[in-house]
């Protein structure tokens, strides 16, 4: 088996992966992802013990135990470009021998969960509710750099969406990846469910206008009106599509749960999203601890 070159797998002087600054023993097989570095401690404050605390740039990692289950929580920062870094380096920690630089013969699947905030695209999904993503719809283009293949219903949905919202030669080709069935079944009870769209930015890519006008004023309407055999776009944010796509390619189990902080149809914004986020964190930890 050929070694991975130093220019491709960059390690720090202590042997840790370059951006995350982590060693294999620093993480659990369950990794919670949050965007905001300050939200890492919000999660780990619920842990019974914390054994690892590391940070490099926006990537903060805490590992500890919750109800006897070892769990890691790691901040990704904002956007799918950061997800590209985080998921490839998490995979390297468990599936590449960092000493020999060779891919291991026995691969380890991680259980990856995003706990985040997002905007609702349906009037009947109110602020301060929870959404568990059944699919991740990427509008950012990251997975076009990888060989992501769709089959069955996944293929039908993305083909229908591309017809519904053509890129007109100026937007990245949209892509789609399904949530892990195991993680979705564990986390979704009692939550709204549907397709989560991931955008490449916060303002024009999500049809917000300050001084610059978005080029696609009909984007929200197109996302809201999409319906393929009952599969609708329920919410959008900036990470889930890439998470689901990379996890699928790498063989990991990935899901995402979000607090709805804004409803873009009713134009409401939550007045208590921090309180709601605490509720989602505790609920998610309780369910993950059973794995």
C-alpha atoms as a PDB file:
ATOM      1  CA  UNK A   1       0.000   0.000   0.000  1.00  0.00           C
ATOM      2  CA  UNK A   2       1.459   3.376  -1.014  1.00  0.00           C
ATOM      3  CA  UNK A   3       2.236   6.041   1.550  1.00  0.00           C
ATOM      4  CA  UNK A   4       0.342   9.327   1.531  1.00  0.00           C
ATOM      5  CA  UNK A   5       2.770  12.161   0.805  1.00  0.00           C
ATOM      6  CA  UNK A   6       3.636  14.792   3.396  1.00  0.00           C
ATOM      7  CA  UNK A   7       2.138  17.471   1.142  1.00  0.00           C
ATOM      8  CA  UNK A   8      -1.230  15.624   1.096  1.00  0.00           C
ATOM      9  CA  UNK A   9      -1.524  14.612   4.751  1.00  0.00           C
ATOM     10  CA  UNK A  10       0.062  17.444   6.716  1.00  0.00           C
ATOM     11  CA  UNK A  11       0.937  16.736  10.341  1.00  0.00           C
ATOM     12  CA  UNK A  12       2.094  19.009  13.140  1.00  0.00           C
ATOM     13  CA  UNK A  13       5.382  18.422  14.969  1.00  0.00           C
ATOM     14  CA  UNK A  14       3.614  16.359  17.640  1.00  0.00           C
ATOM     15  CA  UNK A  15       2.086  14.100  14.979  1.00  0.00           C
ATOM     16  CA  UNK A  16      -1.401  15.605  15.196  1.00  0.00           C
ATOM     17  CA  UNK A  17      -3.463  16.375  12.086  1.00  0.00           C
ATOM     18  CA  UNK A  18      -2.710  19.837  10.778  1.00  0.00           C
ATOM     19  CA  UNK A  19      -5.843  21.951  11.216  1.00  0.00           C
ATOM     20  CA  UNK A  20      -7.626  20.183  14.061  1.00  0.00           C
ATOM     21  CA  UNK A  21      -4.446  19.686  16.133  1.00  0.00           C
ATOM     22  CA  UNK A  22      -5.768  16.296  17.267  1.00  0.00           C
ATOM     23  CA  UNK A  23      -4.265  12.854  17.822  1.00  0.00           C
ATOM     24  CA  UNK A  24      -6.283   9.655  17.303  1.00  0.00           C
ATOM     25  CA  UNK A  25      -6.729   9.108  21.037  1.00  0.00           C
ATOM     26  CA  UNK A  26      -8.251  12.589  21.450  1.00  0.00           C
ATOM     27  CA  UNK A  27     -11.620  11.725  19.890  1.00  0.00           C
ATOM     28  CA  UNK A  28     -14.493   9.334  20.495  1.00  0.00           C
ATOM     29  CA  UNK A  29     -16.328   7.391  17.814  1.00  0.00           C
ATOM     30  CA  UNK A  30     -19.206   9.825  18.483  1.00  0.00           C
ATOM     31  CA  UNK A  31     -18.380  13.376  17.398  1.00  0.00           C
ATOM     32  CA  UNK A  32     -20.823  16.248  17.748  1.00  0.00           C
ATOM     33  CA  UNK A  33     -20.162  19.119  15.356  1.00  0.00           C
ATOM     34  CA  UNK A  34     -21.148  22.699  16.165  1.00  0.00           C
ATOM     35  CA  UNK A  35     -20.369  25.774  14.108  1.00  0.00           C
ATOM     36  CA  UNK A  36     -19.685  28.256  16.907  1.00  0.00           C
ATOM     37  CA  UNK A  37     -16.505  27.586  18.942  1.00  0.00           C
ATOM     38  CA  UNK A  38     -18.277  28.985  22.024  1.00  0.00           C
ATOM     39  CA  UNK A  39     -20.937  26.302  21.667  1.00  0.00           C
ATOM     40  CA  UNK A  40     -18.383  23.561  22.382  1.00  0.00           C
ATOM     41  CA  UNK A  41     -18.313  24.413  26.086  1.00  0.00           C
ATOM     42  CA  UNK A  42     -22.106  24.770  26.024  1.00  0.00           C
ATOM     43  CA  UNK A  43     -22.196  21.085  25.084  1.00  0.00           C
ATOM     44  CA  UNK A  44     -19.321  19.862  27.264  1.00  0.00           C
ATOM     45  CA  UNK A  45     -20.786  21.604  30.332  1.00  0.00           C
ATOM     46  CA  UNK A  46     -23.287  18.723  30.319  1.00  0.00           C
ATOM     47  CA  UNK A  47     -20.494  16.122  30.382  1.00  0.00           C
ATOM     48  CA  UNK A  48     -19.782  14.251  33.595  1.00  0.00           C
ATOM     49  CA  UNK A  49     -16.049  14.434  32.889  1.00  0.00           C
ATOM     50  CA  UNK A  50     -13.856  16.245  30.332  1.00  0.00           C
ATOM     51  CA  UNK A  51     -10.500  14.650  29.483  1.00  0.00           C
ATOM     52  CA  UNK A  52      -9.419  16.549  26.353  1.00  0.00           C
ATOM     53  CA  UNK A  53      -9.504  20.263  25.571  1.00  0.00           C
ATOM     54  CA  UNK A  54      -7.671  21.414  22.443  1.00  0.00           C
ATOM     55  CA  UNK A  55      -7.940  24.360  20.096  1.00  0.00           C
ATOM     56  CA  UNK A  56      -6.355  25.562  16.859  1.00  0.00           C
ATOM     57  CA  UNK A  57      -7.904  28.460  14.956  1.00  0.00           C
ATOM     58  CA  UNK A  58     -11.706  28.043  15.040  1.00  0.00           C
ATOM     59  CA  UNK A  59     -11.436  24.308  15.682  1.00  0.00           C
ATOM     60  CA  UNK A  60     -12.120  23.665  19.378  1.00  0.00           C
ATOM     61  CA  UNK A  61     -12.414  20.079  20.640  1.00  0.00           C
ATOM     62  CA  UNK A  62     -13.612  18.748  24.001  1.00  0.00           C
ATOM     63  CA  UNK A  63     -13.844  15.021  24.730  1.00  0.00           C
ATOM     64  CA  UNK A  64     -15.414  13.561  27.825  1.00  0.00           C
ATOM     65  CA  UNK A  65     -18.165  11.286  29.098  1.00  0.00           C
ATOM     66  CA  UNK A  66     -21.908  11.738  29.317  1.00  0.00           C
ATOM     67  CA  UNK A  67     -23.878   9.111  31.253  1.00  0.00           C
ATOM     68  CA  UNK A  68     -20.916   6.787  30.863  1.00  0.00           C
ATOM     69  CA  UNK A  69     -20.582   7.248  27.060  1.00  0.00           C
ATOM     70  CA  UNK A  70     -17.409   8.837  25.670  1.00  0.00           C
ATOM     71  CA  UNK A  71     -18.353  11.706  23.334  1.00  0.00           C
ATOM     72  CA  UNK A  72     -16.397  14.420  21.518  1.00  0.00           C
ATOM     73  CA  UNK A  73     -17.670  17.849  20.508  1.00  0.00           C
ATOM     74  CA  UNK A  74     -15.810  19.828  17.851  1.00  0.00           C
ATOM     75  CA  UNK A  75     -16.451  23.265  16.372  1.00  0.00           C
ATOM     76  CA  UNK A  76     -16.208  23.514  12.607  1.00  0.00           C
ATOM     77  CA  UNK A  77     -16.607  27.238  12.100  1.00  0.00           C
ATOM     78  CA  UNK A  78     -18.976  28.409   9.371  1.00  0.00           C
ATOM     79  CA  UNK A  79     -19.315  26.964   5.896  1.00  0.00           C
ATOM     80  CA  UNK A  80     -18.776  23.851   3.817  1.00  0.00           C
ATOM     81  CA  UNK A  81     -15.140  24.733   3.099  1.00  0.00           C
ATOM     82  CA  UNK A  82     -14.442  24.133   6.782  1.00  0.00           C
ATOM     83  CA  UNK A  83     -16.442  20.897   6.688  1.00  0.00           C
ATOM     84  CA  UNK A  84     -14.095  19.684   3.946  1.00  0.00           C
ATOM     85  CA  UNK A  85     -11.197  20.142   6.370  1.00  0.00           C
ATOM     86  CA  UNK A  86     -12.917  18.776   9.466  1.00  0.00           C
ATOM     87  CA  UNK A  87     -14.383  15.608   7.957  1.00  0.00           C
ATOM     88  CA  UNK A  88     -11.259  14.636   6.024  1.00  0.00           C
ATOM     89  CA  UNK A  89      -9.079  15.126   9.109  1.00  0.00           C
ATOM     90  CA  UNK A  90     -11.495  13.304  11.429  1.00  0.00           C
ATOM     91  CA  UNK A  91     -11.454  10.405   8.992  1.00  0.00           C
ATOM     92  CA  UNK A  92      -7.647  10.487   8.882  1.00  0.00           C
ATOM     93  CA  UNK A  93      -7.539  10.170  12.677  1.00  0.00           C
ATOM     94  CA  UNK A  94      -9.339   6.828  12.622  1.00  0.00           C
ATOM     95  CA  UNK A  95      -8.643   5.385   9.181  1.00  0.00           C
ATOM     96  CA  UNK A  96      -5.059   6.370   8.349  1.00  0.00           C
ATOM     97  CA  UNK A  97      -2.014   5.228  10.313  1.00  0.00           C
ATOM     98  CA  UNK A  98      -0.394   8.599  10.961  1.00  0.00           C
ATOM     99  CA  UNK A  99       3.015   6.987  11.559  1.00  0.00           C
ATOM    100  CA  UNK A 100       3.230   4.940   8.369  1.00  0.00           C
ATOM    101  CA  UNK A 101       0.950   7.291   6.343  1.00  0.00           C
ATOM    102  CA  UNK A 102      -0.946   4.282   5.024  1.00  0.00           C
ATOM    103  CA  UNK A 103      -4.700   3.692   4.919  1.00  0.00           C
ATOM    104  CA  UNK A 104      -5.693   1.068   7.474  1.00  0.00           C
ATOM    105  CA  UNK A 105      -6.977  -2.283   6.239  1.00  0.00           C
ATOM    106  CA  UNK A 106      -9.779  -2.166   8.838  1.00  0.00           C
ATOM    107  CA  UNK A 107     -11.816   1.041   8.538  1.00  0.00           C
ATOM    108  CA  UNK A 108     -13.692   2.616  11.463  1.00  0.00           C
ATOM    109  CA  UNK A 109     -17.042   4.356  10.905  1.00  0.00           C
ATOM    110  CA  UNK A 110     -17.609   7.447  13.036  1.00  0.00           C
ATOM    111  CA  UNK A 111     -20.987   8.668  14.275  1.00  0.00           C
ATOM    112  CA  UNK A 112     -21.162  12.349  13.343  1.00  0.00           C
ATOM    113  CA  UNK A 113     -23.930  14.745  14.387  1.00  0.00           C
ATOM    114  CA  UNK A 114     -24.345  18.419  13.649  1.00  0.00           C
ATOM    115  CA  UNK A 115     -26.152  20.464  16.304  1.00  0.00           C
ATOM    116  CA  UNK A 116     -26.820  23.824  14.715  1.00  0.00           C
ATOM    117  CA  UNK A 117     -29.125  26.701  13.941  1.00  0.00           C
ATOM    118  CA  UNK A 118     -31.005  27.243  10.703  1.00  0.00           C
ATOM    119  CA  UNK A 119     -33.799  29.129   9.010  1.00  0.00           C
ATOM    120  CA  UNK A 120     -37.177  27.532   8.288  1.00  0.00           C
ATOM    121  CA  UNK A 121     -38.441  27.497   4.698  1.00  0.00           C
ATOM    122  CA  UNK A 122     -41.947  26.322   5.566  1.00  0.00           C
ATOM    123  CA  UNK A 123     -44.570  28.437   7.323  1.00  0.00           C
ATOM    124  CA  UNK A 124     -45.670  25.495   9.465  1.00  0.00           C
ATOM    125  CA  UNK A 125     -42.180  24.919  10.942  1.00  0.00           C
ATOM    126  CA  UNK A 126     -42.008  27.674  13.569  1.00  0.00           C
ATOM    127  CA  UNK A 127     -39.091  29.297  15.323  1.00  0.00           C
ATOM    128  CA  UNK A 128     -37.767  27.380  18.354  1.00  0.00           C
ATOM    129  CA  UNK A 129     -38.745  24.032  16.835  1.00  0.00           C
ATOM    130  CA  UNK A 130     -36.287  21.246  15.977  1.00  0.00           C
ATOM    131  CA  UNK A 131     -35.563  19.844  12.512  1.00  0.00           C
ATOM    132  CA  UNK A 132     -33.745  16.564  11.865  1.00  0.00           C
ATOM    133  CA  UNK A 133     -32.420  16.429   8.305  1.00  0.00           C
ATOM    134  CA  UNK A 134     -33.475  13.497   6.146  1.00  0.00           C
ATOM    135  CA  UNK A 135     -31.271  14.668   3.272  1.00  0.00           C
ATOM    136  CA  UNK A 136     -28.588  17.298   2.805  1.00  0.00           C
ATOM    137  CA  UNK A 137     -28.965  19.410  -0.334  1.00  0.00           C
ATOM    138  CA  UNK A 138     -25.771  21.210  -1.300  1.00  0.00           C
ATOM    139  CA  UNK A 139     -26.051  24.513  -3.158  1.00  0.00           C
ATOM    140  CA  UNK A 140     -22.391  25.374  -2.520  1.00  0.00           C
ATOM    141  CA  UNK A 141     -20.592  23.087  -4.992  1.00  0.00           C
ATOM    142  CA  UNK A 142     -18.115  21.376  -2.631  1.00  0.00           C
ATOM    143  CA  UNK A 143     -19.117  17.794  -3.435  1.00  0.00           C
ATOM    144  CA  UNK A 144     -18.709  18.482  -7.145  1.00  0.00           C
ATOM    145  CA  UNK A 145     -14.971  18.148  -6.447  1.00  0.00           C
ATOM    146  CA  UNK A 146     -15.575  14.556  -5.269  1.00  0.00           C
ATOM    147  CA  UNK A 147     -17.072  11.530  -7.030  1.00  0.00           C
ATOM    148  CA  UNK A 148     -20.439  11.498  -5.272  1.00  0.00           C
ATOM    149  CA  UNK A 149     -22.854   9.089  -6.935  1.00  0.00           C
ATOM    150  CA  UNK A 150     -26.617   9.066  -6.419  1.00  0.00           C
ATOM    151  CA  UNK A 151     -28.843   6.025  -6.847  1.00  0.00           C
ATOM    152  CA  UNK A 152     -32.501   5.179  -6.322  1.00  0.00           C
ATOM    153  CA  UNK A 153     -34.617   7.791  -4.546  1.00  0.00           C
ATOM    154  CA  UNK A 154     -31.600  10.003  -3.906  1.00  0.00           C
ATOM    155  CA  UNK A 155     -31.023  10.254  -7.664  1.00  0.00           C
ATOM    156  CA  UNK A 156     -34.695  10.898  -8.363  1.00  0.00           C
ATOM    157  CA  UNK A 157     -34.863  13.735  -5.825  1.00  0.00           C
ATOM    158  CA  UNK A 158     -31.746  15.546  -7.037  1.00  0.00           C
ATOM    159  CA  UNK A 159     -32.725  15.228 -10.685  1.00  0.00           C
ATOM    160  CA  UNK A 160     -36.162  16.652  -9.872  1.00  0.00           C
ATOM    161  CA  UNK A 161     -34.565  19.488  -7.900  1.00  0.00           C
ATOM    162  CA  UNK A 162     -32.142  20.386 -10.698  1.00  0.00           C
ATOM    163  CA  UNK A 163     -35.111  20.645 -13.066  1.00  0.00           C
ATOM    164  CA  UNK A 164     -37.014  22.727 -10.493  1.00  0.00           C
ATOM    165  CA  UNK A 165     -34.043  25.044  -9.833  1.00  0.00           C
ATOM    166  CA  UNK A 166     -31.623  24.987 -12.793  1.00  0.00           C
ATOM    167  CA  UNK A 167     -28.225  26.569 -12.174  1.00  0.00           C
ATOM    168  CA  UNK A 168     -28.435  28.622 -15.409  1.00  0.00           C
ATOM    169  CA  UNK A 169     -24.687  28.250 -15.865  1.00  0.00           C
ATOM    170  CA  UNK A 170     -23.831  30.630 -13.032  1.00  0.00           C
ATOM    171  CA  UNK A 171     -24.497  28.596  -9.875  1.00  0.00           C
ATOM    172  CA  UNK A 172     -22.753  25.393  -8.765  1.00  0.00           C
ATOM    173  CA  UNK A 173     -24.474  22.137  -9.666  1.00  0.00           C
ATOM    174  CA  UNK A 174     -26.632  21.116  -6.707  1.00  0.00           C
ATOM    175  CA  UNK A 175     -25.977  17.783  -4.997  1.00  0.00           C
ATOM    176  CA  UNK A 176     -27.785  15.553  -2.514  1.00  0.00           C
ATOM    177  CA  UNK A 177     -26.847  13.014   0.159  1.00  0.00           C
ATOM    178  CA  UNK A 178     -29.029  11.065   2.570  1.00  0.00           C
ATOM    179  CA  UNK A 179     -28.731  11.046   6.332  1.00  0.00           C
ATOM    180  CA  UNK A 180     -27.546   7.877   8.027  1.00  0.00           C
ATOM    181  CA  UNK A 181     -30.670   5.791   8.653  1.00  0.00           C
ATOM    182  CA  UNK A 182     -29.329   4.670  12.027  1.00  0.00           C
ATOM    183  CA  UNK A 183     -28.647   8.206  13.240  1.00  0.00           C
ATOM    184  CA  UNK A 184     -31.856   9.611  11.748  1.00  0.00           C
ATOM    185  CA  UNK A 185     -33.974   6.956  13.466  1.00  0.00           C
ATOM    186  CA  UNK A 186     -32.228   7.681  16.760  1.00  0.00           C
ATOM    187  CA  UNK A 187     -32.463  11.467  16.679  1.00  0.00           C
ATOM    188  CA  UNK A 188     -35.604  12.374  14.716  1.00  0.00           C
ATOM    189  CA  UNK A 189     -38.513  11.277  16.975  1.00  0.00           C
ATOM    190  CA  UNK A 190     -40.617  14.288  17.922  1.00  0.00           C
ATOM    191  CA  UNK A 191     -38.851  16.595  15.442  1.00  0.00           C
ATOM    192  CA  UNK A 192     -39.799  18.053  12.086  1.00  0.00           C
ATOM    193  CA  UNK A 193     -37.981  16.235   9.283  1.00  0.00           C
ATOM    194  CA  UNK A 194     -37.074  17.060   5.701  1.00  0.00           C
ATOM    195  CA  UNK A 195     -34.394  18.178   3.276  1.00  0.00           C
ATOM    196  CA  UNK A 196     -31.886  20.701   4.616  1.00  0.00           C
ATOM    197  CA  UNK A 197     -30.323  22.961   1.987  1.00  0.00           C
ATOM    198  CA  UNK A 198     -26.776  24.229   2.545  1.00  0.00           C
ATOM    199  CA  UNK A 199     -25.793  27.578   1.059  1.00  0.00           C
ATOM    200  CA  UNK A 200     -22.372  29.027   0.274  1.00  0.00           C
ATOM    201  CA  UNK A 201     -22.982  32.242   2.211  1.00  0.00           C
ATOM    202  CA  UNK A 202     -25.304  34.056   4.597  1.00  0.00           C
ATOM    203  CA  UNK A 203     -26.454  37.081   2.640  1.00  0.00           C
ATOM    204  CA  UNK A 204     -27.190  36.856  -1.118  1.00  0.00           C
ATOM    205  CA  UNK A 205     -26.914  33.023  -1.131  1.00  0.00           C
ATOM    206  CA  UNK A 206     -29.783  33.046   1.395  1.00  0.00           C
ATOM    207  CA  UNK A 207     -31.543  35.961  -0.341  1.00  0.00           C
ATOM    208  CA  UNK A 208     -30.702  38.603   2.256  1.00  0.00           C
ATOM    209  CA  UNK A 209     -30.180  42.104   0.949  1.00  0.00           C
ATOM    210  CA  UNK A 210     -28.241  44.873   2.646  1.00  0.00           C
ATOM    211  CA  UNK A 211     -26.551  47.052  -0.011  1.00  0.00           C
ATOM    212  CA  UNK A 212     -26.041  44.296  -2.591  1.00  0.00           C
ATOM    213  CA  UNK A 213     -28.938  42.732  -4.487  1.00  0.00           C
ATOM    214  CA  UNK A 214     -29.161  38.933  -4.764  1.00  0.00           C
ATOM    215  CA  UNK A 215     -29.114  37.669  -8.343  1.00  0.00           C
ATOM    216  CA  UNK A 216     -31.818  35.066  -7.625  1.00  0.00           C
ATOM    217  CA  UNK A 217     -34.743  36.765  -5.879  1.00  0.00           C
ATOM    218  CA  UNK A 218     -36.888  33.664  -6.365  1.00  0.00           C
ATOM    219  CA  UNK A 219     -34.553  31.265  -4.512  1.00  0.00           C
ATOM    220  CA  UNK A 220     -36.593  31.041  -1.306  1.00  0.00           C
ATOM    221  CA  UNK A 221     -39.804  30.539  -3.257  1.00  0.00           C
ATOM    222  CA  UNK A 222     -38.158  27.794  -5.324  1.00  0.00           C
ATOM    223  CA  UNK A 223     -36.821  26.020  -2.246  1.00  0.00           C
ATOM    224  CA  UNK A 224     -40.113  26.314  -0.386  1.00  0.00           C
ATOM    225  CA  UNK A 225     -42.214  25.052  -3.311  1.00  0.00           C
ATOM    226  CA  UNK A 226     -40.072  22.012  -4.120  1.00  0.00           C
ATOM    227  CA  UNK A 227     -41.907  18.772  -3.377  1.00  0.00           C
ATOM    228  CA  UNK A 228     -40.904  15.381  -4.741  1.00  0.00           C
ATOM    229  CA  UNK A 229     -43.177  12.608  -3.498  1.00  0.00           C
ATOM    230  CA  UNK A 230     -43.549  14.381  -0.162  1.00  0.00           C
ATOM    231  CA  UNK A 231     -39.860  15.254   0.197  1.00  0.00           C
ATOM    232  CA  UNK A 232     -39.707  19.002   0.849  1.00  0.00           C
ATOM    233  CA  UNK A 233     -36.948  21.471   1.684  1.00  0.00           C
ATOM    234  CA  UNK A 234     -37.651  22.343   5.298  1.00  0.00           C
ATOM    235  CA  UNK A 235     -34.739  24.611   6.232  1.00  0.00           C
ATOM    236  CA  UNK A 236     -31.406  26.002   5.148  1.00  0.00           C
ATOM    237  CA  UNK A 237     -28.021  26.740   6.693  1.00  0.00           C
ATOM    238  CA  UNK A 238     -24.373  26.381   5.604  1.00  0.00           C
ATOM    239  CA  UNK A 239     -22.988  22.927   6.485  1.00  0.00           C
ATOM    240  CA  UNK A 240     -25.261  19.867   6.315  1.00  0.00           C
ATOM    241  CA  UNK A 241     -25.028  19.062   2.603  1.00  0.00           C
ATOM    242  CA  UNK A 242     -21.246  18.736   2.724  1.00  0.00           C
ATOM    243  CA  UNK A 243     -21.388  16.734   5.958  1.00  0.00           C
ATOM    244  CA  UNK A 244     -23.776  14.157   4.524  1.00  0.00           C
ATOM    245  CA  UNK A 245     -21.902  13.922   1.230  1.00  0.00           C
ATOM    246  CA  UNK A 246     -18.437  13.478   2.726  1.00  0.00           C
ATOM    247  CA  UNK A 247     -19.710  11.078   5.390  1.00  0.00           C
ATOM    248  CA  UNK A 248     -21.357   8.951   2.710  1.00  0.00           C
ATOM    249  CA  UNK A 249     -18.156   8.788   0.656  1.00  0.00           C
ATOM    250  CA  UNK A 250     -15.978   8.038   3.696  1.00  0.00           C
ATOM    251  CA  UNK A 251     -18.320   5.440   5.205  1.00  0.00           C
ATOM    252  CA  UNK A 252     -19.365   7.342   8.338  1.00  0.00           C
ATOM    253  CA  UNK A 253     -22.817   7.685   9.936  1.00  0.00           C
ATOM    254  CA  UNK A 254     -23.948  11.319   9.831  1.00  0.00           C
ATOM    255  CA  UNK A 255     -27.050  13.212  10.854  1.00  0.00           C
ATOM    256  CA  UNK A 256     -27.972  16.807  11.653  1.00  0.00           C
ATOM    257  CA  UNK A 257     -30.375  18.442  14.077  1.00  0.00           C
ATOM    258  CA  UNK A 258     -31.099  22.162  14.031  1.00  0.00           C
ATOM    259  CA  UNK A 259     -32.901  24.741  16.102  1.00  0.00           C
ATOM    260  CA  UNK A 260     -35.048  26.966  13.913  1.00  0.00           C
ATOM    261  CA  UNK A 261     -33.980  30.497  14.843  1.00  0.00           C
ATOM    262  CA  UNK A 262     -35.729  32.264  11.953  1.00  0.00           C
ATOM    263  CA  UNK A 263     -38.707  31.560   9.731  1.00  0.00           C
ATOM    264  CA  UNK A 264     -38.013  33.111   6.332  1.00  0.00           C
ATOM    265  CA  UNK A 265     -41.636  32.747   5.236  1.00  0.00           C
ATOM    266  CA  UNK A 266     -43.309  34.412   8.244  1.00  0.00           C
ATOM    267  CA  UNK A 267     -40.211  36.608   8.791  1.00  0.00           C
ATOM    268  CA  UNK A 268     -40.036  35.811  12.504  1.00  0.00           C
ATOM    269  CA  UNK A 269     -36.862  35.464  14.584  1.00  0.00           C
ATOM    270  CA  UNK A 270     -36.549  33.565  17.857  1.00  0.00           C
ATOM    271  CA  UNK A 271     -36.396  35.544  21.077  1.00  0.00           C
ATOM    272  CA  UNK A 272     -35.147  32.570  23.110  1.00  0.00           C
ATOM    273  CA  UNK A 273     -32.923  30.536  20.784  1.00  0.00           C
ATOM    274  CA  UNK A 274     -30.167  30.051  23.392  1.00  0.00           C
ATOM    275  CA  UNK A 275     -32.664  28.441  25.763  1.00  0.00           C
ATOM    276  CA  UNK A 276     -33.984  26.301  22.910  1.00  0.00           C
ATOM    277  CA  UNK A 277     -30.438  25.333  21.929  1.00  0.00           C
ATOM    278  CA  UNK A 278     -29.782  24.054  25.459  1.00  0.00           C
ATOM    279  CA  UNK A 279     -32.881  21.868  25.174  1.00  0.00           C
ATOM    280  CA  UNK A 280     -31.697  20.439  21.840  1.00  0.00           C
ATOM    281  CA  UNK A 281     -28.201  19.772  23.193  1.00  0.00           C
ATOM    282  CA  UNK A 282     -29.490  17.852  26.191  1.00  0.00           C
ATOM    283  CA  UNK A 283     -31.994  15.873  24.124  1.00  0.00           C
ATOM    284  CA  UNK A 284     -29.298  14.955  21.584  1.00  0.00           C
ATOM    285  CA  UNK A 285     -26.815  13.923  24.281  1.00  0.00           C
ATOM    286  CA  UNK A 286     -29.427  11.750  25.962  1.00  0.00           C
ATOM    287  CA  UNK A 287     -30.116   9.946  22.701  1.00  0.00           C
ATOM    288  CA  UNK A 288     -26.453   9.595  21.713  1.00  0.00           C
ATOM    289  CA  UNK A 289     -25.575   8.158  25.118  1.00  0.00           C
ATOM    290  CA  UNK A 290     -27.632   5.067  24.248  1.00  0.00           C
ATOM    291  CA  UNK A 291     -25.323   4.120  21.357  1.00  0.00           C
END
